[in-house]
Amino acid sequence: MSSLVAFPGQGAQQAGMLHRLPSGAEALLEQASDVLGEQVLNLDSEHALQGTRAVQLCLLLAGVAWARWLLQRAPAPDYVAGLSIGAYPAAVVAEALDFTDALRLVALRGSLMQHAYPQGYGMTALSGLDLACVERLLAEVADEVYLANLNSDNQIVIAGSDRGMAEVARRARGQGQGVARRLAVSVPSHCKLLDEPARELAAAFAKVQLHRPRITWLSGTRARPVHDPEQLRDDLAGNMARVVDWRGLLGNAYERGVRLHIEVPPGSVLSGLARPVFEQGRVVAVESTRGDTLEALLRQEVAHRR
């Protein structure tokens, strides 16, 4: 049996999240402030989190801080994975991407996305509809709205213009099925609307050195492990404009023997998506689990592998 540590994406952010990091995170926050030339503790206010750049930097910082705290207490997991921006802290923890490079790239990523679509766009989660139904609705509307995330058998996310998403939601309700929920994401991620920002980010990635992950890194867009640094570079740079197959990633992880899924803060959204897949295993969120319990679970997985 194996273990997976998962990092949440945009929409999981919480006001004050950087002020609730584990002990020992002070040095990480200070390093980030020096690299970015700003006080990063100012990024997690409700006002600041209205901006995509602040959200993505907060999720990077929280993911790295909590994962390092976990690794100080327990054996390393077999796999790491992150949804969208969560792929960046996962790559840092896997030692494939340097933390200082990640800071600069995520700051640029957030800025590019924010400036490309400052208003009038976003993402909406649809529940209770299968993929064929969602694709049919998207084809009918055809108004700057696209498939974005395959999160689970029961949840598909679309991205695009406010008008287009509202029309898809209206038609879904008109059929007497499906629930639409607007996500706390102010940009149309994981669709072709972000092709140009992705190309600009790729140019910045070309100047950064990446390494083979020391912990197996699962791609949210390919739904499989990526070991080659050049493939990892392409994946990280382009994932903002590519459909996320989180459902496929979790299925791949289960087939590879993962039976322990641990979600780092903030929140427990990924845990909810994982529970139906890991019915024969254990799904926990760091935010609601005692530290000694997490340590015991990871050590138990190591013992089982032996």
Protein backbone atom coordinates (compact mmCIF):
# COMPACT_ATOMS: atom_id res chain seq x y z
CA MET A 1 0.00 0.00 0.00
CA SER A 2 1.13 3.54 -0.74
CA SER A 3 0.37 7.11 0.28
CA LEU A 4 -0.46 10.32 -1.57
CA VAL A 5 -0.23 13.90 -0.31
CA ALA A 6 -2.55 16.20 -2.26
CA PHE A 7 -2.41 20.00 -2.59
CA PRO A 8 -5.61 21.98 -3.25
CA GLY A 9 -6.16 24.49 -6.01
CA GLN A 10 -7.68 27.94 -6.30
CA GLY A 11 -11.03 28.16 -4.57
CA ALA A 12 -9.73 26.54 -1.37
CA GLN A 13 -8.14 29.78 -0.10
CA GLN A 14 -9.17 31.19 3.27
CA ALA A 15 -8.64 34.61 4.78
CA GLY A 16 -5.87 34.44 7.39
CA MET A 17 -4.47 31.16 6.05
CA LEU A 18 -0.85 32.33 6.27
CA HIS A 19 -1.40 33.38 9.87
CA ARG A 20 -2.37 29.81 10.79
CA LEU A 21 0.67 27.98 9.44
CA PRO A 22 2.45 25.42 11.65
CA SER A 23 5.34 26.31 13.89
CA GLY A 24 8.58 26.63 11.96
CA ALA A 25 7.01 28.38 8.98
CA GLU A 26 8.41 31.76 9.97
CA ALA A 27 11.66 31.23 8.05
CA LEU A 28 9.77 30.20 4.93
CA LEU A 29 7.59 33.34 5.08
CA GLU A 30 10.62 35.53 5.62
CA GLN A 31 12.40 33.96 2.65
CA ALA A 32 9.32 34.48 0.48
CA SER A 33 9.07 38.13 1.52
CA ASP A 34 12.73 38.68 0.61
CA VAL A 35 12.38 36.98 -2.79
CA LEU A 36 9.19 38.82 -3.75
CA GLY A 37 10.15 42.16 -2.19
CA GLU A 38 6.91 42.42 -0.24
CA GLN A 39 5.46 41.31 3.07
CA VAL A 40 3.70 38.06 2.19
CA LEU A 41 1.62 38.06 5.37
CA ASN A 42 -0.37 40.86 3.75
CA LEU A 43 -1.51 38.52 0.97
CA ASP A 44 -4.10 36.56 2.94
CA SER A 45 -6.54 39.31 3.87
CA GLU A 46 -10.07 39.09 2.46
CA HIS A 47 -9.37 42.08 0.26
CA ALA A 48 -6.02 40.77 -1.04
CA LEU A 49 -7.54 37.37 -1.84
CA GLN A 50 -9.82 38.99 -4.38
CA GLY A 51 -6.76 38.92 -6.65
CA THR A 52 -5.58 35.75 -8.40
CA ARG A 53 -1.89 36.49 -7.77
CA ALA A 54 -2.37 36.69 -4.00
CA VAL A 55 -4.48 33.53 -3.93
CA GLN A 56 -1.93 31.49 -5.84
CA LEU A 57 1.00 32.68 -3.75
CA CYS A 58 -0.90 31.90 -0.54
CA LEU A 59 -1.68 28.37 -1.74
CA LEU A 60 1.96 27.83 -2.68
CA LEU A 61 3.20 29.04 0.70
CA ALA A 62 0.62 27.11 2.70
CA GLY A 63 1.19 23.93 0.73
CA VAL A 64 4.96 23.98 1.16
CA ALA A 65 4.79 24.97 4.84
CA TRP A 66 2.30 22.27 5.82
CA ALA A 67 4.00 19.56 3.76
CA ARG A 68 7.38 20.34 5.29
CA TRP A 69 5.80 20.23 8.74
CA LEU A 70 4.35 16.82 7.91
CA LEU A 71 7.64 15.48 6.53
CA GLN A 72 9.43 16.53 9.71
CA ARG A 73 7.09 14.30 11.69
CA ALA A 74 6.64 11.28 9.45
CA PRO A 75 8.10 9.36 6.49
CA ALA A 76 7.73 10.89 3.05
CA PRO A 77 4.71 9.82 0.99
CA ASP A 78 5.06 7.74 -2.14
CA TYR A 79 3.26 10.29 -4.31
CA VAL A 80 2.43 14.00 -4.39
CA ALA A 81 -0.13 15.74 -6.59
CA GLY A 82 -1.74 19.15 -6.81
CA LEU A 83 -4.86 20.47 -8.47
CA SER A 84 -3.92 23.37 -10.78
CA ILE A 85 -1.78 25.77 -8.71
CA GLY A 86 -1.42 22.94 -6.20
CA ALA A 87 0.94 21.27 -8.66
CA TYR A 88 3.56 23.90 -7.76
CA PRO A 89 3.92 23.19 -4.02
CA ALA A 90 3.79 19.48 -4.93
CA ALA A 91 6.77 19.99 -7.26
CA VAL A 92 8.65 21.92 -4.56
CA VAL A 93 8.06 19.21 -1.97
CA ALA A 94 9.19 16.59 -4.49
CA GLU A 95 12.42 18.65 -4.90
CA ALA A 96 11.78 19.02 -8.61
CA LEU A 97 11.35 22.81 -8.47
CA ASP A 98 13.35 25.18 -6.28
CA PHE A 99 11.20 27.13 -3.81
CA THR A 100 12.56 30.53 -4.84
CA ASP A 101 11.92 29.74 -8.51
CA ALA A 102 8.42 28.60 -7.61
CA LEU A 103 7.74 31.91 -5.86
CA ARG A 104 8.70 33.96 -8.89
CA LEU A 105 6.89 31.71 -11.34
CA VAL A 106 3.69 31.59 -9.30
CA ALA A 107 3.74 35.38 -8.85
CA LEU A 108 4.04 35.69 -12.63
CA ARG A 109 1.42 33.00 -13.26
CA GLY A 110 -1.11 34.73 -11.04
CA SER A 111 -0.42 38.14 -12.56
CA LEU A 112 -0.73 36.85 -16.14
CA MET A 113 -4.05 35.16 -15.40
CA GLN A 114 -5.38 38.12 -13.46
CA HIS A 115 -4.51 40.68 -16.13
CA ALA A 116 -5.83 38.52 -18.97
CA TYR A 117 -9.31 38.37 -17.44
CA PRO A 118 -9.74 41.03 -14.73
CA GLN A 119 -13.52 40.63 -14.59
CA GLY A 120 -16.51 38.92 -16.16
CA TYR A 121 -15.03 35.41 -16.15
CA GLY A 122 -14.60 32.50 -13.76
CA MET A 123 -15.45 28.87 -13.06
CA THR A 124 -18.59 26.96 -12.09
CA ALA A 125 -18.93 23.46 -10.64
CA LEU A 126 -21.72 21.29 -12.02
CA SER A 127 -22.93 18.34 -9.95
CA GLY A 128 -25.34 15.60 -10.94
CA LEU A 129 -24.54 15.71 -14.68
CA ASP A 130 -22.46 13.23 -16.64
CA LEU A 131 -19.73 14.29 -19.05
CA ALA A 132 -21.83 13.68 -22.17
CA CYS A 133 -24.58 15.93 -20.84
CA VAL A 134 -22.15 18.71 -19.95
CA GLU A 135 -20.47 18.52 -23.35
CA ARG A 136 -23.86 18.73 -25.04
CA LEU A 137 -24.80 21.84 -23.03
CA LEU A 138 -21.46 23.48 -23.83
CA ALA A 139 -22.00 22.81 -27.54
CA GLU A 140 -25.50 24.31 -27.37
CA VAL A 141 -24.36 27.47 -25.60
CA ALA A 142 -21.06 28.02 -27.46
CA ASP A 143 -20.57 31.38 -25.72
CA GLU A 144 -16.99 31.43 -24.39
CA VAL A 145 -17.57 28.57 -21.98
CA TYR A 146 -15.49 25.37 -21.88
CA LEU A 147 -14.86 22.13 -20.04
CA ALA A 148 -12.23 22.73 -17.34
CA ASN A 149 -12.06 20.04 -14.63
CA LEU A 150 -13.15 16.42 -14.41
CA ASN A 151 -13.13 16.35 -10.62
CA SER A 152 -15.18 13.22 -9.95
CA ASP A 153 -17.96 11.08 -11.39
CA ASN A 154 -20.39 13.57 -9.87
CA GLN A 155 -18.62 16.89 -10.37
CA ILE A 156 -17.48 18.61 -13.54
CA VAL A 157 -16.20 22.19 -13.67
CA ILE A 158 -16.68 24.59 -16.56
CA ALA A 159 -14.83 27.85 -17.19
CA GLY A 160 -15.52 30.94 -19.24
CA SER A 161 -17.59 34.09 -19.35
CA ASP A 162 -20.16 34.86 -16.66
CA ARG A 163 -22.84 34.96 -19.34
CA GLY A 164 -21.88 31.64 -20.87
CA MET A 165 -21.66 29.83 -17.52
CA ALA A 166 -25.00 31.26 -16.40
CA GLU A 167 -26.65 29.99 -19.56
CA VAL A 168 -25.22 26.49 -19.13
CA ALA A 169 -26.45 26.48 -15.51
CA ARG A 170 -29.91 27.67 -16.59
CA ARG A 171 -30.24 24.93 -19.18
CA ALA A 172 -29.06 22.29 -16.71
CA ARG A 173 -31.69 23.35 -14.20
CA GLY A 174 -34.29 23.48 -16.95
CA GLN A 175 -33.74 19.78 -17.52
CA GLY A 176 -34.61 19.13 -13.90
CA GLN A 177 -31.16 17.88 -13.08
CA GLY A 178 -27.82 19.19 -11.92
CA VAL A 179 -26.67 21.75 -9.40
CA ALA A 180 -24.46 24.68 -10.43
CA ARG A 181 -22.18 26.42 -7.95
CA ARG A 182 -19.95 29.37 -8.81
CA LEU A 183 -16.42 28.84 -7.50
CA ALA A 184 -14.21 31.39 -5.76
CA VAL A 185 -12.06 31.68 -8.89
CA SER A 186 -12.05 34.92 -10.86
CA VAL A 187 -10.36 33.64 -14.04
CA PRO A 188 -11.37 31.01 -16.65
CA SER A 189 -8.73 28.41 -15.84
CA HIS A 190 -8.03 25.15 -17.68
CA CYS A 191 -9.34 26.10 -21.08
CA LYS A 192 -8.02 27.68 -24.28
CA LEU A 193 -8.84 31.19 -23.04
CA LEU A 194 -5.53 31.01 -21.16
CA ASP A 195 -3.40 29.77 -24.06
CA GLU A 196 -1.57 33.09 -24.41
CA PRO A 197 -0.74 33.53 -20.68
CA ALA A 198 0.47 29.91 -20.69
CA ARG A 199 2.85 30.67 -23.55
CA GLU A 200 4.23 33.67 -21.66
CA LEU A 201 4.73 31.56 -18.55
CA ALA A 202 6.48 28.88 -20.62
CA ALA A 203 9.02 31.49 -21.73
CA ALA A 204 9.83 32.21 -18.08
CA PHE A 205 10.03 28.48 -17.30
CA ALA A 206 12.64 28.08 -20.04
CA LYS A 207 15.10 29.97 -17.82
CA VAL A 208 14.54 27.76 -14.76
CA GLN A 209 16.21 24.47 -13.93
CA LEU A 210 13.97 21.55 -12.97
CA HIS A 211 15.00 18.17 -11.57
CA ARG A 212 13.69 14.64 -11.57
CA PRO A 213 11.18 14.45 -8.65
CA ARG A 214 12.45 12.64 -5.56
CA ILE A 215 8.85 11.82 -4.66
CA THR A 216 6.72 10.57 -7.56
CA TRP A 217 4.79 13.56 -8.92
CA LEU A 218 1.38 12.90 -10.43
CA SER A 219 0.17 15.28 -13.13
CA GLY A 220 -3.34 16.64 -12.81
CA THR A 221 -3.63 17.15 -16.55
CA ARG A 222 -2.05 13.87 -17.70
CA ALA A 223 -3.46 11.84 -14.79
CA ARG A 224 -0.20 9.91 -14.49
CA PRO A 225 3.32 10.25 -13.09
CA VAL A 226 5.77 12.63 -14.72
CA HIS A 227 9.45 11.92 -14.10
CA ASP A 228 11.27 13.73 -16.91
CA PRO A 229 12.18 17.34 -15.98
CA GLU A 230 11.31 18.65 -19.45
CA GLN A 231 7.88 17.06 -19.35
CA LEU A 232 7.42 18.48 -15.87
CA ARG A 233 8.39 21.93 -17.14
CA ASP A 234 5.79 21.71 -19.92
CA ASP A 235 3.14 20.43 -17.52
CA LEU A 236 3.61 23.18 -14.93
CA ALA A 237 3.84 25.97 -17.48
CA GLY A 238 0.81 24.85 -19.45
CA ASN A 239 -1.56 23.45 -16.85
CA MET A 240 -3.48 26.74 -16.53
CA ALA A 241 -4.83 26.21 -20.08
CA ARG A 242 -5.37 22.42 -19.98
CA VAL A 243 -8.28 20.38 -18.69
CA VAL A 244 -7.69 18.87 -15.25
CA ASP A 245 -8.47 15.17 -14.97
CA TRP A 246 -8.46 14.82 -11.19
CA ARG A 247 -10.84 11.88 -11.42
CA GLY A 248 -8.33 10.08 -13.63
CA LEU A 249 -5.42 11.00 -11.35
CA LEU A 250 -7.14 9.52 -8.29
CA GLY A 251 -8.03 6.37 -10.21
CA ASN A 252 -4.42 6.01 -11.37
CA ALA A 253 -3.19 6.48 -7.80
CA TYR A 254 -5.56 3.80 -6.53
CA GLU A 255 -4.45 1.38 -9.23
CA ARG A 256 -0.85 2.01 -8.15
CA GLY A 257 -1.69 0.90 -4.63
CA VAL A 258 -2.39 4.19 -2.88
CA ARG A 259 -4.67 3.62 0.10
CA LEU A 260 -3.80 6.70 2.20
CA HIS A 261 -4.78 10.12 0.84
CA ILE A 262 -3.68 13.15 2.88
CA GLU A 263 -4.79 16.66 1.94
CA VAL A 264 -2.72 19.61 3.12
CA PRO A 265 -4.46 22.85 4.14
CA PRO A 266 -6.40 24.88 3.44
CA GLY A 267 -9.69 23.01 3.53
CA SER A 268 -10.84 19.52 2.66
CA VAL A 269 -12.28 19.83 -0.86
CA LEU A 270 -9.89 17.24 -2.30
CA SER A 271 -10.74 14.83 0.52
CA GLY A 272 -14.38 14.93 -0.52
CA LEU A 273 -13.41 14.07 -4.09
CA ALA A 274 -11.12 11.25 -2.93
CA ARG A 275 -13.42 9.36 -0.55
CA PRO A 276 -15.48 7.53 -3.21
CA VAL A 277 -12.23 6.37 -4.87
CA PHE A 278 -10.48 5.26 -1.67
CA GLU A 279 -13.38 3.46 0.00
CA GLN A 280 -10.97 0.63 0.80
CA GLY A 281 -8.39 3.03 2.21
CA ARG A 282 -8.15 6.14 4.37
CA VAL A 283 -8.74 9.79 3.40
CA VAL A 284 -7.75 12.53 5.85
CA ALA A 285 -7.32 16.31 5.79
CA VAL A 286 -4.42 17.74 7.79
CA GLU A 287 -6.62 20.62 8.92
CA SER A 288 -8.93 18.31 10.88
CA THR A 289 -6.52 15.55 11.94
CA ARG A 290 -4.17 15.37 14.92
CA GLY A 291 -0.47 15.46 14.11
CA ASP A 292 0.26 12.20 15.91
CA THR A 293 -2.53 10.50 13.96
CA LEU A 294 -1.02 11.65 10.65
CA GLU A 295 2.41 10.41 11.75
CA ALA A 296 0.99 7.02 12.74
CA LEU A 297 -0.87 6.63 9.45
CA LEU A 298 2.22 7.35 7.35
CA ARG A 299 4.39 5.05 9.45
CA GLN A 300 1.76 2.35 9.13
CA GLU A 301 1.93 2.63 5.32
CA VAL A 302 5.71 2.26 5.44
CA ALA A 303 5.35 -0.84 7.63
CA HIS A 304 2.85 -2.36 5.20
CA ARG A 305 5.25 -1.83 2.28
CA ARG A 306 7.85 -3.88 4.08
